[in-house]
Amino acid sequence: MTSEIYLLNQQIVELRAENASFMGENSVLSGENAKVKTENAEVKTENAKLRRAMEENTARPAKLEQSDKEKAELIAKLNCDIEESGRTRLLLMHRVYFLLKMFRRKPTHPCRNLS
């Protein structure tokens, strides 16, 4: 029985040593796990920033395209306004010419004074 107790005590000592080894390894792995979690959080933060930048860069060409379209529409409208102003000016000049002619004054032809 003494030899059994001795063997059991031997196993207890070996198991305690193995347990201490596992505890040390567990401590190391816990530290590594914490480091990986920190790195993972940093990567997720960087990914979120990059996603926002991608969304902004995707939206930018659409905004520029819309702005270009609005500019083109405004230029077309201004060109129409300029044409209309020219026609109105020419019409007024013809009316003035006609009125001057009616009152027998010597008019200058409106087409010669278009500048």
N, C-alpha and C. Protein backbone atom coordinates (compact mmCIF):
# COMPACT_ATOMS: atom_id res chain seq x y z
N MET A 1 0.81 -1.18 0.00
CA MET A 1 0.00 0.00 0.00
C MET A 1 0.86 1.25 0.00
N THR A 2 1.97 1.17 0.68
CA THR A 2 2.89 2.29 0.72
C THR A 2 3.40 2.61 -0.67
N SER A 3 3.67 1.57 -1.44
CA SER A 3 4.15 1.79 -2.80
C SER A 3 3.06 2.42 -3.67
N GLU A 4 1.80 2.05 -3.41
CA GLU A 4 0.69 2.67 -4.14
C GLU A 4 0.58 4.14 -3.79
N ILE A 5 0.71 4.46 -2.53
CA ILE A 5 0.63 5.86 -2.09
C ILE A 5 1.80 6.64 -2.69
N TYR A 6 2.95 5.99 -2.71
CA TYR A 6 4.13 6.66 -3.27
C TYR A 6 3.90 6.93 -4.76
N LEU A 7 3.37 5.95 -5.49
CA LEU A 7 3.10 6.11 -6.93
C LEU A 7 2.05 7.20 -7.16
N LEU A 8 1.02 7.20 -6.33
CA LEU A 8 -0.02 8.22 -6.45
C LEU A 8 0.55 9.61 -6.17
N ASN A 9 1.40 9.73 -5.17
CA ASN A 9 2.05 11.01 -4.87
C ASN A 9 2.94 11.43 -6.04
N GLN A 10 3.61 10.47 -6.67
CA GLN A 10 4.45 10.74 -7.83
C GLN A 10 3.59 11.29 -8.97
N GLN A 11 2.44 10.67 -9.20
CA GLN A 11 1.55 11.12 -10.26
C GLN A 11 1.00 12.52 -9.96
N ILE A 12 0.69 12.76 -8.69
CA ILE A 12 0.20 14.08 -8.29
C ILE A 12 1.27 15.14 -8.58
N VAL A 13 2.51 14.84 -8.24
CA VAL A 13 3.61 15.79 -8.49
C VAL A 13 3.76 16.03 -9.99
N GLU A 14 3.70 14.96 -10.78
CA GLU A 14 3.83 15.09 -12.24
C GLU A 14 2.66 15.89 -12.82
N LEU A 15 1.46 15.59 -12.33
CA LEU A 15 0.28 16.31 -12.82
C LEU A 15 0.33 17.80 -12.44
N ARG A 16 0.84 18.08 -11.24
CA ARG A 16 0.97 19.49 -10.83
C ARG A 16 1.99 20.21 -11.71
N ALA A 17 3.07 19.52 -12.04
CA ALA A 17 4.09 20.11 -12.91
C ALA A 17 3.51 20.36 -14.30
N GLU A 18 2.76 19.37 -14.80
CA GLU A 18 2.12 19.51 -16.11
C GLU A 18 1.10 20.64 -16.08
N ASN A 19 0.34 20.72 -15.00
CA ASN A 19 -0.65 21.79 -14.83
C ASN A 19 0.03 23.16 -14.82
N ALA A 20 1.16 23.26 -14.11
CA ALA A 20 1.91 24.52 -14.07
C ALA A 20 2.39 24.90 -15.46
N SER A 21 2.83 23.90 -16.23
CA SER A 21 3.27 24.14 -17.60
C SER A 21 2.11 24.65 -18.45
N PHE A 22 0.95 23.99 -18.31
CA PHE A 22 -0.24 24.42 -19.05
C PHE A 22 -0.68 25.83 -18.64
N MET A 23 -0.58 26.13 -17.35
CA MET A 23 -0.95 27.47 -16.87
C MET A 23 -0.03 28.52 -17.50
N GLY A 24 1.27 28.22 -17.58
CA GLY A 24 2.21 29.15 -18.20
C GLY A 24 1.91 29.34 -19.68
N GLU A 25 1.64 28.23 -20.36
CA GLU A 25 1.29 28.28 -21.78
C GLU A 25 -0.01 29.05 -21.99
N ASN A 26 -0.98 28.81 -21.11
CA ASN A 26 -2.26 29.51 -21.17
C ASN A 26 -2.06 31.02 -21.01
N SER A 27 -1.17 31.39 -20.11
CA SER A 27 -0.88 32.81 -19.88
C SER A 27 -0.28 33.44 -21.14
N VAL A 28 0.66 32.73 -21.78
CA VAL A 28 1.27 33.23 -23.02
C VAL A 28 0.22 33.36 -24.11
N LEU A 29 -0.61 32.32 -24.26
CA LEU A 29 -1.64 32.35 -25.29
C LEU A 29 -2.68 33.44 -25.03
N SER A 30 -3.00 33.68 -23.77
CA SER A 30 -3.94 34.76 -23.44
C SER A 30 -3.37 36.11 -23.85
N GLY A 31 -2.07 36.30 -23.62
CA GLY A 31 -1.42 37.55 -24.05
C GLY A 31 -1.44 37.71 -25.56
N GLU A 32 -1.14 36.61 -26.27
CA GLU A 32 -1.18 36.66 -27.74
C GLU A 32 -2.60 36.92 -28.23
N ASN A 33 -3.58 36.31 -27.58
CA ASN A 33 -4.98 36.50 -27.95
C ASN A 33 -5.38 37.97 -27.78
N ALA A 34 -4.97 38.58 -26.69
CA ALA A 34 -5.28 39.99 -26.45
C ALA A 34 -4.64 40.86 -27.53
N LYS A 35 -3.40 40.52 -27.92
CA LYS A 35 -2.71 41.28 -28.95
C LYS A 35 -3.44 41.15 -30.29
N VAL A 36 -3.87 39.93 -30.62
CA VAL A 36 -4.60 39.70 -31.88
C VAL A 36 -5.93 40.47 -31.87
N LYS A 37 -6.62 40.48 -30.73
CA LYS A 37 -7.88 41.23 -30.64
C LYS A 37 -7.66 42.72 -30.86
N THR A 38 -6.57 43.25 -30.30
CA THR A 38 -6.23 44.67 -30.49
C THR A 38 -5.95 44.96 -31.95
N GLU A 39 -5.14 44.10 -32.59
CA GLU A 39 -4.83 44.28 -34.01
C GLU A 39 -6.10 44.18 -34.85
N ASN A 40 -6.98 43.25 -34.50
CA ASN A 40 -8.23 43.08 -35.22
C ASN A 40 -9.09 44.34 -35.13
N ALA A 41 -9.16 44.93 -33.95
CA ALA A 41 -9.92 46.17 -33.78
C ALA A 41 -9.33 47.29 -34.63
N GLU A 42 -7.99 47.37 -34.68
CA GLU A 42 -7.33 48.39 -35.50
C GLU A 42 -7.64 48.18 -36.98
N VAL A 43 -7.61 46.92 -37.42
CA VAL A 43 -7.90 46.61 -38.82
C VAL A 43 -9.35 46.96 -39.15
N LYS A 44 -10.27 46.66 -38.25
CA LYS A 44 -11.68 47.00 -38.48
C LYS A 44 -11.86 48.51 -38.59
N THR A 45 -11.17 49.26 -37.75
CA THR A 45 -11.24 50.73 -37.81
C THR A 45 -10.71 51.23 -39.14
N GLU A 46 -9.58 50.70 -39.57
CA GLU A 46 -8.99 51.11 -40.85
C GLU A 46 -9.91 50.73 -42.00
N ASN A 47 -10.53 49.55 -41.94
CA ASN A 47 -11.47 49.13 -42.98
C ASN A 47 -12.65 50.08 -43.06
N ALA A 48 -13.16 50.50 -41.92
CA ALA A 48 -14.29 51.44 -41.91
C ALA A 48 -13.89 52.76 -42.57
N LYS A 49 -12.68 53.25 -42.27
CA LYS A 49 -12.20 54.50 -42.89
C LYS A 49 -12.09 54.33 -44.40
N LEU A 50 -11.53 53.19 -44.83
CA LEU A 50 -11.37 52.95 -46.26
C LEU A 50 -12.72 52.81 -46.97
N ARG A 51 -13.68 52.19 -46.31
CA ARG A 51 -15.03 52.07 -46.91
C ARG A 51 -15.65 53.45 -47.11
N ARG A 52 -15.51 54.32 -46.08
CA ARG A 52 -16.05 55.68 -46.21
C ARG A 52 -15.37 56.41 -47.36
N ALA A 53 -14.05 56.26 -47.47
CA ALA A 53 -13.31 56.92 -48.55
C ALA A 53 -13.76 56.39 -49.91
N MET A 54 -13.98 55.09 -50.00
CA MET A 54 -14.46 54.50 -51.25
C MET A 54 -15.83 55.05 -51.62
N GLU A 55 -16.73 55.15 -50.64
CA GLU A 55 -18.06 55.69 -50.90
C GLU A 55 -17.98 57.14 -51.39
N GLU A 56 -17.12 57.93 -50.75
CA GLU A 56 -16.95 59.32 -51.17
C GLU A 56 -16.39 59.39 -52.58
N ASN A 57 -15.40 58.55 -52.87
CA ASN A 57 -14.79 58.56 -54.20
C ASN A 57 -15.75 58.04 -55.26
N THR A 58 -16.65 57.16 -54.89
CA THR A 58 -17.66 56.67 -55.82
C THR A 58 -18.69 57.75 -56.09
N ALA A 59 -19.06 58.51 -55.06
CA ALA A 59 -20.07 59.55 -55.22
C ALA A 59 -19.52 60.78 -55.94
N ARG A 60 -18.23 61.04 -55.83
CA ARG A 60 -17.63 62.25 -56.42
C ARG A 60 -17.84 62.35 -57.93
N PRO A 61 -17.56 61.30 -58.74
CA PRO A 61 -17.79 61.43 -60.19
C PRO A 61 -19.25 61.72 -60.53
N ALA A 62 -20.17 61.13 -59.78
CA ALA A 62 -21.58 61.39 -60.04
C ALA A 62 -21.91 62.86 -59.77
N LYS A 63 -21.35 63.41 -58.69
CA LYS A 63 -21.58 64.82 -58.38
C LYS A 63 -20.97 65.70 -59.47
N LEU A 64 -19.76 65.36 -59.91
CA LEU A 64 -19.11 66.14 -60.96
C LEU A 64 -19.89 66.06 -62.27
N GLU A 65 -20.39 64.87 -62.57
CA GLU A 65 -21.17 64.69 -63.78
C GLU A 65 -22.45 65.52 -63.72
N GLN A 66 -23.10 65.53 -62.56
CA GLN A 66 -24.31 66.33 -62.38
C GLN A 66 -23.98 67.81 -62.52
N SER A 67 -22.85 68.22 -61.94
CA SER A 67 -22.42 69.62 -62.03
C SER A 67 -22.14 70.00 -63.48
N ASP A 68 -21.46 69.12 -64.23
CA ASP A 68 -21.19 69.38 -65.64
C ASP A 68 -22.48 69.50 -66.43
N LYS A 69 -23.44 68.64 -66.13
CA LYS A 69 -24.73 68.68 -66.81
C LYS A 69 -25.43 70.01 -66.53
N GLU A 70 -25.42 70.43 -65.27
CA GLU A 70 -26.05 71.70 -64.91
C GLU A 70 -25.36 72.87 -65.60
N LYS A 71 -24.03 72.82 -65.68
CA LYS A 71 -23.29 73.89 -66.37
C LYS A 71 -23.66 73.93 -67.85
N ALA A 72 -23.74 72.76 -68.48
CA ALA A 72 -24.09 72.70 -69.90
C ALA A 72 -25.49 73.26 -70.13
N GLU A 73 -26.42 72.92 -69.25
CA GLU A 73 -27.79 73.45 -69.37
C GLU A 73 -27.80 74.97 -69.21
N LEU A 74 -27.03 75.47 -68.26
CA LEU A 74 -26.96 76.91 -68.03
C LEU A 74 -26.34 77.62 -69.23
N ILE A 75 -25.28 77.05 -69.80
CA ILE A 75 -24.65 77.64 -70.98
C ILE A 75 -25.63 77.67 -72.15
N ALA A 76 -26.36 76.57 -72.34
CA ALA A 76 -27.35 76.53 -73.42
C ALA A 76 -28.42 77.59 -73.22
N LYS A 77 -28.88 77.75 -71.98
CA LYS A 77 -29.90 78.77 -71.69
C LYS A 77 -29.35 80.17 -71.94
N LEU A 78 -28.11 80.41 -71.51
CA LEU A 78 -27.50 81.72 -71.75
C LEU A 78 -27.32 81.99 -73.24
N ASN A 79 -26.94 80.98 -73.99
CA ASN A 79 -26.82 81.14 -75.45
C ASN A 79 -28.16 81.49 -76.07
N CYS A 80 -29.23 80.84 -75.61
CA CYS A 80 -30.58 81.16 -76.10
C CYS A 80 -30.94 82.60 -75.73
N ASP A 81 -30.62 82.99 -74.51
CA ASP A 81 -30.91 84.36 -74.07
C ASP A 81 -30.15 85.37 -74.92
N ILE A 82 -28.89 85.06 -75.24
CA ILE A 82 -28.09 85.96 -76.08
C ILE A 82 -28.71 86.07 -77.47
N GLU A 83 -29.12 84.94 -78.04
CA GLU A 83 -29.77 84.96 -79.36
C GLU A 83 -31.04 85.79 -79.31
N GLU A 84 -31.83 85.57 -78.27
CA GLU A 84 -33.09 86.31 -78.13
C GLU A 84 -32.81 87.80 -77.99
N SER A 85 -31.79 88.15 -77.21
CA SER A 85 -31.42 89.57 -77.05
C SER A 85 -31.00 90.16 -78.38
N GLY A 86 -30.25 89.40 -79.16
CA GLY A 86 -29.82 89.87 -80.48
C GLY A 86 -31.00 90.09 -81.40
N ARG A 87 -31.95 89.15 -81.39
CA ARG A 87 -33.14 89.30 -82.23
C ARG A 87 -33.96 90.50 -81.77
N THR A 88 -34.09 90.67 -80.46
CA THR A 88 -34.85 91.81 -79.93
C THR A 88 -34.19 93.12 -80.33
N ARG A 89 -32.86 93.16 -80.22
CA ARG A 89 -32.12 94.38 -80.58
C ARG A 89 -32.31 94.69 -82.06
N LEU A 90 -32.21 93.66 -82.89
CA LEU A 90 -32.38 93.85 -84.33
C LEU A 90 -33.79 94.33 -84.65
N LEU A 91 -34.78 93.74 -84.00
CA LEU A 91 -36.17 94.16 -84.20
C LEU A 91 -36.36 95.62 -83.80
N LEU A 92 -35.80 96.00 -82.66
CA LEU A 92 -35.90 97.40 -82.22
C LEU A 92 -35.20 98.34 -83.20
N MET A 93 -34.05 97.91 -83.71
CA MET A 93 -33.34 98.75 -84.67
C MET A 93 -34.15 98.93 -85.95
N HIS A 94 -34.81 97.86 -86.39
CA HIS A 94 -35.66 97.96 -87.58
C HIS A 94 -36.84 98.89 -87.32
N ARG A 95 -37.42 98.84 -86.13
CA ARG A 95 -38.54 99.73 -85.80
C ARG A 95 -38.08 101.19 -85.78
N VAL A 96 -36.91 101.43 -85.17
CA VAL A 96 -36.37 102.79 -85.14
C VAL A 96 -36.11 103.27 -86.57
N TYR A 97 -35.54 102.42 -87.39
CA TYR A 97 -35.28 102.77 -88.79
C TYR A 97 -36.58 103.13 -89.49
N PHE A 98 -37.61 102.31 -89.27
CA PHE A 98 -38.91 102.56 -89.89
C PHE A 98 -39.49 103.89 -89.41
N LEU A 99 -39.41 104.15 -88.09
CA LEU A 99 -39.94 105.40 -87.55
C LEU A 99 -39.17 106.60 -88.08
N LEU A 100 -37.88 106.50 -88.16
CA LEU A 100 -37.07 107.59 -88.71
C LEU A 100 -37.42 107.84 -90.17
N LYS A 101 -37.66 106.76 -90.88
CA LYS A 101 -38.03 106.87 -92.29
C LYS A 101 -39.39 107.54 -92.42
N MET A 102 -40.29 107.18 -91.50
CA MET A 102 -41.63 107.78 -91.53
C MET A 102 -41.55 109.29 -91.32
N PHE A 103 -40.66 109.72 -90.46
CA PHE A 103 -40.55 111.15 -90.16
C PHE A 103 -39.54 111.83 -91.08
N ARG A 104 -39.15 111.16 -92.13
CA ARG A 104 -38.30 111.68 -93.19
C ARG A 104 -36.93 112.16 -92.71
N ARG A 105 -36.41 111.48 -91.79
CA ARG A 105 -35.04 111.75 -91.39
C ARG A 105 -34.15 110.79 -92.15
N LYS A 106 -32.89 111.12 -92.19
CA LYS A 106 -31.96 110.25 -92.88
C LYS A 106 -31.43 109.22 -91.89
N PRO A 107 -31.98 108.03 -91.91
CA PRO A 107 -31.49 107.01 -90.98
C PRO A 107 -30.27 106.30 -91.56
N THR A 108 -29.52 105.75 -90.67
CA THR A 108 -28.47 104.83 -91.11
C THR A 108 -29.06 103.44 -90.99
N HIS A 109 -28.71 102.61 -91.90
CA HIS A 109 -29.29 101.27 -91.90
C HIS A 109 -28.88 100.51 -90.64
N PRO A 110 -29.84 99.84 -89.94
CA PRO A 110 -29.54 99.18 -88.67
C PRO A 110 -28.53 98.04 -88.80
N CYS A 111 -28.49 97.42 -89.93
CA CYS A 111 -27.56 96.30 -90.08
C CYS A 111 -26.12 96.78 -90.14
N ARG A 112 -25.90 98.03 -90.43
CA ARG A 112 -24.54 98.57 -90.48
C ARG A 112 -24.06 98.96 -89.09
N ASN A 113 -24.96 99.08 -88.13
CA ASN A 113 -24.60 99.51 -86.78
C ASN A 113 -24.79 98.39 -85.76
N LEU A 114 -24.58 97.18 -86.14
CA LEU A 114 -24.81 96.06 -85.24
C LEU A 114 -23.69 95.85 -84.24
N SER A 115 -22.61 96.50 -84.38
CA SER A 115 -21.48 96.24 -83.49
C SER A 115 -21.68 96.68 -82.09
